[in-house]
Amino acid sequence: YWKEMRSDAAMSRIAFAGLGALRVMPYVHEVGEAAELAGAAWQHDMTFLGNYAVRKPFERYGARAVFDAEQHPIAIYWCEGREWVFPPAPGGDEAKWAHAKWAWRCSLMVGTTVADHLVGVHWLIANYVTTAARNKLSPTHYLRLLLKPFTWRTVTINAGAADSLCPKNGFVHR
């Protein structure tokens, strides 16, 4: 349980020891990136979400967090503003940095929930395994019996997710 979720330390915990650990990768410098990224070692890239339009008045998803070798955040590329945002100097304006961290956390939650979990786990992997087991294995086949507890109600759950999350103005439509 992490009581505090807004600090730079919390951002590092989320990226390296929390939900973001799935997508943390070594940093790859891209041509034209800011000189302030010279000490970068790690990145967490959710900018693919910036390609999708959202309904008004919502802000576009998508952000790329960059961390140094000690896992401290040093910059966030914010897709909505199409800009790099850096931690403010001591006593500086924290509002833009706080908003960029918020955009990254929101992008992380939506990207993980929709792309990785809903689509990747439920609609692709679980659906493929369930379909293959039902269509290619006899009801008493040892592999089908082994898979049954892991695929129980997969079809119902996937259909329910499509009905509840994907209609017009629903969570995925946002």
C-alpha atoms as a PDB file:
ATOM      1  CA  TYR A   1       0.000   0.000   0.000  1.00  0.00           C
ATOM      2  CA  TRP A   2       1.496   3.304  -1.113  1.00  0.00           C
ATOM      3  CA  LYS A   3      -0.186   6.143   0.704  1.00  0.00           C
ATOM      4  CA  GLU A   4       1.547   8.867  -1.302  1.00  0.00           C
ATOM      5  CA  MET A   5       1.419   8.749  -5.133  1.00  0.00           C
ATOM      6  CA  ARG A   6       2.444  12.235  -6.324  1.00  0.00           C
ATOM      7  CA  SER A   7       6.115  12.662  -5.468  1.00  0.00           C
ATOM      8  CA  ASP A   8       9.058  11.862  -7.724  1.00  0.00           C
ATOM      9  CA  ALA A   9       9.899   8.959  -5.386  1.00  0.00           C
ATOM     10  CA  ALA A  10       6.392   7.568  -5.843  1.00  0.00           C
ATOM     11  CA  MET A  11       6.782   7.888  -9.604  1.00  0.00           C
ATOM     12  CA  SER A  12       9.970   5.812  -9.416  1.00  0.00           C
ATOM     13  CA  ARG A  13       8.242   3.171  -7.247  1.00  0.00           C
ATOM     14  CA  ILE A  14       5.353   2.920  -9.728  1.00  0.00           C
ATOM     15  CA  ALA A  15       7.700   2.645 -12.706  1.00  0.00           C
ATOM     16  CA  PHE A  16      10.206   0.161 -11.292  1.00  0.00           C
ATOM     17  CA  ALA A  17       8.380  -1.767  -8.553  1.00  0.00           C
ATOM     18  CA  GLY A  18       4.729  -1.299  -9.456  1.00  0.00           C
ATOM     19  CA  LEU A  19       2.382  -1.329 -12.404  1.00  0.00           C
ATOM     20  CA  GLY A  20       4.940   0.309 -14.688  1.00  0.00           C
ATOM     21  CA  ALA A  21       7.566  -2.418 -14.302  1.00  0.00           C
ATOM     22  CA  LEU A  22       6.020  -4.310 -17.226  1.00  0.00           C
ATOM     23  CA  ARG A  23       7.047  -1.595 -19.684  1.00  0.00           C
ATOM     24  CA  VAL A  24      10.233  -0.070 -18.229  1.00  0.00           C
ATOM     25  CA  MET A  25      13.043  -0.324 -20.793  1.00  0.00           C
ATOM     26  CA  PRO A  26      16.606   0.928 -21.231  1.00  0.00           C
ATOM     27  CA  TYR A  27      16.615   4.502 -22.525  1.00  0.00           C
ATOM     28  CA  VAL A  28      17.331   4.959 -26.219  1.00  0.00           C
ATOM     29  CA  HIS A  29      18.300   8.499 -27.203  1.00  0.00           C
ATOM     30  CA  GLU A  30      16.379   9.705 -30.235  1.00  0.00           C
ATOM     31  CA  VAL A  31      17.708  12.305 -32.664  1.00  0.00           C
ATOM     32  CA  GLY A  32      16.771  15.821 -31.648  1.00  0.00           C
ATOM     33  CA  GLU A  33      15.991  15.083 -28.006  1.00  0.00           C
ATOM     34  CA  ALA A  34      16.868  17.610 -25.336  1.00  0.00           C
ATOM     35  CA  ALA A  35      20.411  17.849 -23.977  1.00  0.00           C
ATOM     36  CA  GLU A  36      18.958  17.499 -20.439  1.00  0.00           C
ATOM     37  CA  LEU A  37      18.400  13.806 -21.232  1.00  0.00           C
ATOM     38  CA  ALA A  38      22.138  13.082 -21.411  1.00  0.00           C
ATOM     39  CA  GLY A  39      22.105  11.213 -18.069  1.00  0.00           C
ATOM     40  CA  ALA A  40      19.081   9.089 -18.953  1.00  0.00           C
ATOM     41  CA  ALA A  41      19.262   5.330 -18.382  1.00  0.00           C
ATOM     42  CA  TRP A  42      15.637   4.119 -18.300  1.00  0.00           C
ATOM     43  CA  GLN A  43      12.349   4.998 -19.947  1.00  0.00           C
ATOM     44  CA  HIS A  44       8.712   4.138 -19.620  1.00  0.00           C
ATOM     45  CA  ASP A  45       7.017   4.872 -22.922  1.00  0.00           C
ATOM     46  CA  MET A  46       3.242   5.200 -23.214  1.00  0.00           C
ATOM     47  CA  THR A  47       3.343   7.654 -26.141  1.00  0.00           C
ATOM     48  CA  PHE A  48       1.508   5.184 -28.379  1.00  0.00           C
ATOM     49  CA  LEU A  49      -1.667   6.325 -26.592  1.00  0.00           C
ATOM     50  CA  GLY A  50      -1.118   9.835 -27.958  1.00  0.00           C
ATOM     51  CA  ASN A  51      -2.121   8.541 -31.396  1.00  0.00           C
ATOM     52  CA  TYR A  52      -5.741   8.110 -30.325  1.00  0.00           C
ATOM     53  CA  ALA A  53      -8.219  10.955 -30.248  1.00  0.00           C
ATOM     54  CA  VAL A  54     -10.331  11.440 -27.142  1.00  0.00           C
ATOM     55  CA  ARG A  55     -13.714  13.037 -26.641  1.00  0.00           C
ATOM     56  CA  LYS A  56     -13.939  16.640 -25.523  1.00  0.00           C
ATOM     57  CA  PRO A  57     -13.230  17.887 -22.892  1.00  0.00           C
ATOM     58  CA  PHE A  58     -10.756  15.095 -22.064  1.00  0.00           C
ATOM     59  CA  GLU A  59      -7.002  15.504 -22.417  1.00  0.00           C
ATOM     60  CA  ARG A  60      -5.156  13.233 -24.830  1.00  0.00           C
ATOM     61  CA  TYR A  61      -3.348  10.284 -23.225  1.00  0.00           C
ATOM     62  CA  GLY A  62       0.298   9.530 -23.822  1.00  0.00           C
ATOM     63  CA  ALA A  63       3.533  10.270 -22.000  1.00  0.00           C
ATOM     64  CA  ARG A  64       7.115   8.996 -21.884  1.00  0.00           C
ATOM     65  CA  ALA A  65       8.919   9.138 -18.536  1.00  0.00           C
ATOM     66  CA  VAL A  66      12.714   9.113 -18.532  1.00  0.00           C
ATOM     67  CA  PHE A  67      14.799   8.140 -15.492  1.00  0.00           C
ATOM     68  CA  ASP A  68      18.489   8.331 -14.598  1.00  0.00           C
ATOM     69  CA  ALA A  69      20.632   5.355 -13.572  1.00  0.00           C
ATOM     70  CA  GLU A  70      19.457   5.724  -9.951  1.00  0.00           C
ATOM     71  CA  GLN A  71      15.816   5.511 -11.141  1.00  0.00           C
ATOM     72  CA  HIS A  72      15.008   9.174 -10.440  1.00  0.00           C
ATOM     73  CA  PRO A  73      12.684  10.840 -12.971  1.00  0.00           C
ATOM     74  CA  ILE A  74      14.502  13.440 -15.052  1.00  0.00           C
ATOM     75  CA  ALA A  75      11.929  14.267 -17.747  1.00  0.00           C
ATOM     76  CA  ILE A  76       8.509  13.457 -19.136  1.00  0.00           C
ATOM     77  CA  TYR A  77       7.488  13.823 -22.755  1.00  0.00           C
ATOM     78  CA  TRP A  78       3.853  14.897 -22.610  1.00  0.00           C
ATOM     79  CA  CYS A  79       1.869  14.051 -25.769  1.00  0.00           C
ATOM     80  CA  GLU A  80      -0.950  16.550 -25.183  1.00  0.00           C
ATOM     81  CA  GLY A  81       1.458  19.484 -25.080  1.00  0.00           C
ATOM     82  CA  ARG A  82       3.913  17.793 -27.444  1.00  0.00           C
ATOM     83  CA  GLU A  83       6.770  18.894 -25.212  1.00  0.00           C
ATOM     84  CA  TRP A  84       9.388  17.737 -22.749  1.00  0.00           C
ATOM     85  CA  VAL A  85       8.706  18.709 -19.148  1.00  0.00           C
ATOM     86  CA  PHE A  86      11.523  18.724 -16.589  1.00  0.00           C
ATOM     87  CA  PRO A  87      11.500  18.838 -12.781  1.00  0.00           C
ATOM     88  CA  PRO A  88      11.574  22.451 -11.638  1.00  0.00           C
ATOM     89  CA  ALA A  89      14.584  23.958  -9.927  1.00  0.00           C
ATOM     90  CA  PRO A  90      14.215  24.271  -6.133  1.00  0.00           C
ATOM     91  CA  GLY A  91      11.607  26.905  -5.410  1.00  0.00           C
ATOM     92  CA  GLY A  92      10.406  26.811  -9.034  1.00  0.00           C
ATOM     93  CA  ASP A  93       6.910  26.290 -10.406  1.00  0.00           C
ATOM     94  CA  GLU A  94       5.843  22.733  -9.647  1.00  0.00           C
ATOM     95  CA  ALA A  95       2.488  22.876 -11.484  1.00  0.00           C
ATOM     96  CA  LYS A  96       3.668  21.831 -14.948  1.00  0.00           C
ATOM     97  CA  TRP A  97       5.846  19.007 -13.575  1.00  0.00           C
ATOM     98  CA  ALA A  98       2.986  17.785 -11.365  1.00  0.00           C
ATOM     99  CA  HIS A  99       0.629  17.806 -14.357  1.00  0.00           C
ATOM    100  CA  ALA A 100       3.117  15.905 -16.544  1.00  0.00           C
ATOM    101  CA  LYS A 101       3.469  13.272 -13.802  1.00  0.00           C
ATOM    102  CA  TRP A 102      -0.347  13.065 -13.627  1.00  0.00           C
ATOM    103  CA  ALA A 103      -0.533  12.602 -17.430  1.00  0.00           C
ATOM    104  CA  TRP A 104       2.067   9.823 -17.223  1.00  0.00           C
ATOM    105  CA  ARG A 105       0.230   8.045 -14.367  1.00  0.00           C
ATOM    106  CA  CYS A 106      -3.092   8.259 -16.236  1.00  0.00           C
ATOM    107  CA  SER A 107      -1.461   6.973 -19.418  1.00  0.00           C
ATOM    108  CA  LEU A 108       0.164   4.152 -17.448  1.00  0.00           C
ATOM    109  CA  MET A 109      -3.150   3.113 -15.897  1.00  0.00           C
ATOM    110  CA  VAL A 110      -5.113   3.231 -19.152  1.00  0.00           C
ATOM    111  CA  GLY A 111      -2.373   1.645 -21.247  1.00  0.00           C
ATOM    112  CA  THR A 112      -1.925  -1.188 -18.768  1.00  0.00           C
ATOM    113  CA  THR A 113      -5.651  -1.698 -18.237  1.00  0.00           C
ATOM    114  CA  VAL A 114      -6.782  -1.476 -21.851  1.00  0.00           C
ATOM    115  CA  ALA A 115      -3.817  -2.491 -24.019  1.00  0.00           C
ATOM    116  CA  ASP A 116      -1.949  -4.945 -21.804  1.00  0.00           C
ATOM    117  CA  HIS A 117      -4.693  -6.449 -19.653  1.00  0.00           C
ATOM    118  CA  LEU A 118      -7.985  -6.215 -21.560  1.00  0.00           C
ATOM    119  CA  VAL A 119      -6.708  -6.666 -25.104  1.00  0.00           C
ATOM    120  CA  GLY A 120      -3.493  -8.601 -24.479  1.00  0.00           C
ATOM    121  CA  VAL A 121      -4.526 -10.935 -21.685  1.00  0.00           C
ATOM    122  CA  HIS A 122      -8.294 -11.300 -22.080  1.00  0.00           C
ATOM    123  CA  TRP A 123      -9.146 -10.803 -25.739  1.00  0.00           C
ATOM    124  CA  LEU A 124      -6.012 -12.327 -27.244  1.00  0.00           C
ATOM    125  CA  ILE A 125      -4.258 -14.866 -25.030  1.00  0.00           C
ATOM    126  CA  ALA A 126      -7.207 -16.145 -22.968  1.00  0.00           C
ATOM    127  CA  ASN A 127      -9.460 -16.207 -26.011  1.00  0.00           C
ATOM    128  CA  TYR A 128      -6.908 -18.115 -28.121  1.00  0.00           C
ATOM    129  CA  VAL A 129      -6.251 -20.677 -25.385  1.00  0.00           C
ATOM    130  CA  THR A 130      -9.975 -21.191 -24.693  1.00  0.00           C
ATOM    131  CA  THR A 131     -10.849 -21.476 -28.386  1.00  0.00           C
ATOM    132  CA  ALA A 132      -8.007 -23.895 -29.079  1.00  0.00           C
ATOM    133  CA  ALA A 133      -8.838 -26.076 -26.069  1.00  0.00           C
ATOM    134  CA  ARG A 134     -12.545 -26.252 -26.956  1.00  0.00           C
ATOM    135  CA  ASN A 135     -12.114 -26.763 -30.700  1.00  0.00           C
ATOM    136  CA  LYS A 136      -9.057 -29.028 -30.850  1.00  0.00           C
ATOM    137  CA  LEU A 137      -9.071 -31.078 -27.653  1.00  0.00           C
ATOM    138  CA  SER A 138     -11.619 -33.629 -26.507  1.00  0.00           C
ATOM    139  CA  PRO A 139     -13.503 -32.854 -23.272  1.00  0.00           C
ATOM    140  CA  THR A 140     -11.439 -35.490 -21.425  1.00  0.00           C
ATOM    141  CA  HIS A 141      -8.042 -34.583 -22.889  1.00  0.00           C
ATOM    142  CA  TYR A 142      -5.499 -34.065 -20.091  1.00  0.00           C
ATOM    143  CA  LEU A 143      -4.344 -30.687 -21.427  1.00  0.00           C
ATOM    144  CA  ARG A 144      -7.913 -29.395 -21.727  1.00  0.00           C
ATOM    145  CA  LEU A 145      -8.609 -30.518 -18.156  1.00  0.00           C
ATOM    146  CA  LEU A 146      -5.429 -28.794 -16.989  1.00  0.00           C
ATOM    147  CA  LEU A 147      -6.425 -25.527 -18.740  1.00  0.00           C
ATOM    148  CA  LYS A 148     -10.027 -25.523 -17.530  1.00  0.00           C
ATOM    149  CA  PRO A 149      -9.450 -23.675 -14.209  1.00  0.00           C
ATOM    150  CA  PHE A 150      -7.469 -20.984 -16.058  1.00  0.00           C
ATOM    151  CA  THR A 151     -10.026 -20.487 -18.817  1.00  0.00           C
ATOM    152  CA  TRP A 152     -13.194 -20.835 -16.743  1.00  0.00           C
ATOM    153  CA  ARG A 153     -15.797 -18.255 -17.870  1.00  0.00           C
ATOM    154  CA  THR A 154     -13.353 -16.625 -20.317  1.00  0.00           C
ATOM    155  CA  VAL A 155     -15.997 -16.265 -23.038  1.00  0.00           C
ATOM    156  CA  THR A 156     -18.497 -14.718 -20.601  1.00  0.00           C
ATOM    157  CA  ILE A 157     -15.916 -12.365 -19.109  1.00  0.00           C
ATOM    158  CA  ASN A 158     -14.665 -11.227 -22.531  1.00  0.00           C
ATOM    159  CA  ALA A 159     -18.184 -10.618 -23.819  1.00  0.00           C
ATOM    160  CA  GLY A 160     -19.057  -8.718 -20.651  1.00  0.00           C
ATOM    161  CA  ALA A 161     -15.950  -6.561 -21.005  1.00  0.00           C
ATOM    162  CA  ALA A 162     -16.855  -5.757 -24.604  1.00  0.00           C
ATOM    163  CA  ASP A 163     -20.413  -4.837 -23.601  1.00  0.00           C
ATOM    164  CA  SER A 164     -19.465  -2.747 -20.575  1.00  0.00           C
ATOM    165  CA  LEU A 165     -16.183  -1.108 -21.594  1.00  0.00           C
ATOM    166  CA  CYS A 166     -16.494  -0.587 -25.342  1.00  0.00           C
ATOM    167  CA  PRO A 167     -19.867   0.988 -26.102  1.00  0.00           C
ATOM    168  CA  LYS A 168     -20.067   4.549 -27.365  1.00  0.00           C
ATOM    169  CA  ASN A 169     -19.021   6.947 -24.580  1.00  0.00           C
ATOM    170  CA  GLY A 170     -17.691   4.032 -22.537  1.00  0.00           C
ATOM    171  CA  PHE A 171     -14.245   3.700 -20.909  1.00  0.00           C
ATOM    172  CA  VAL A 172     -12.410   2.488 -24.035  1.00  0.00           C
ATOM    173  CA  HIS A 173     -14.207   5.006 -26.265  1.00  0.00           C
ATOM    174  CA  ARG A 174     -12.866   7.897 -24.189  1.00  0.00           C
END
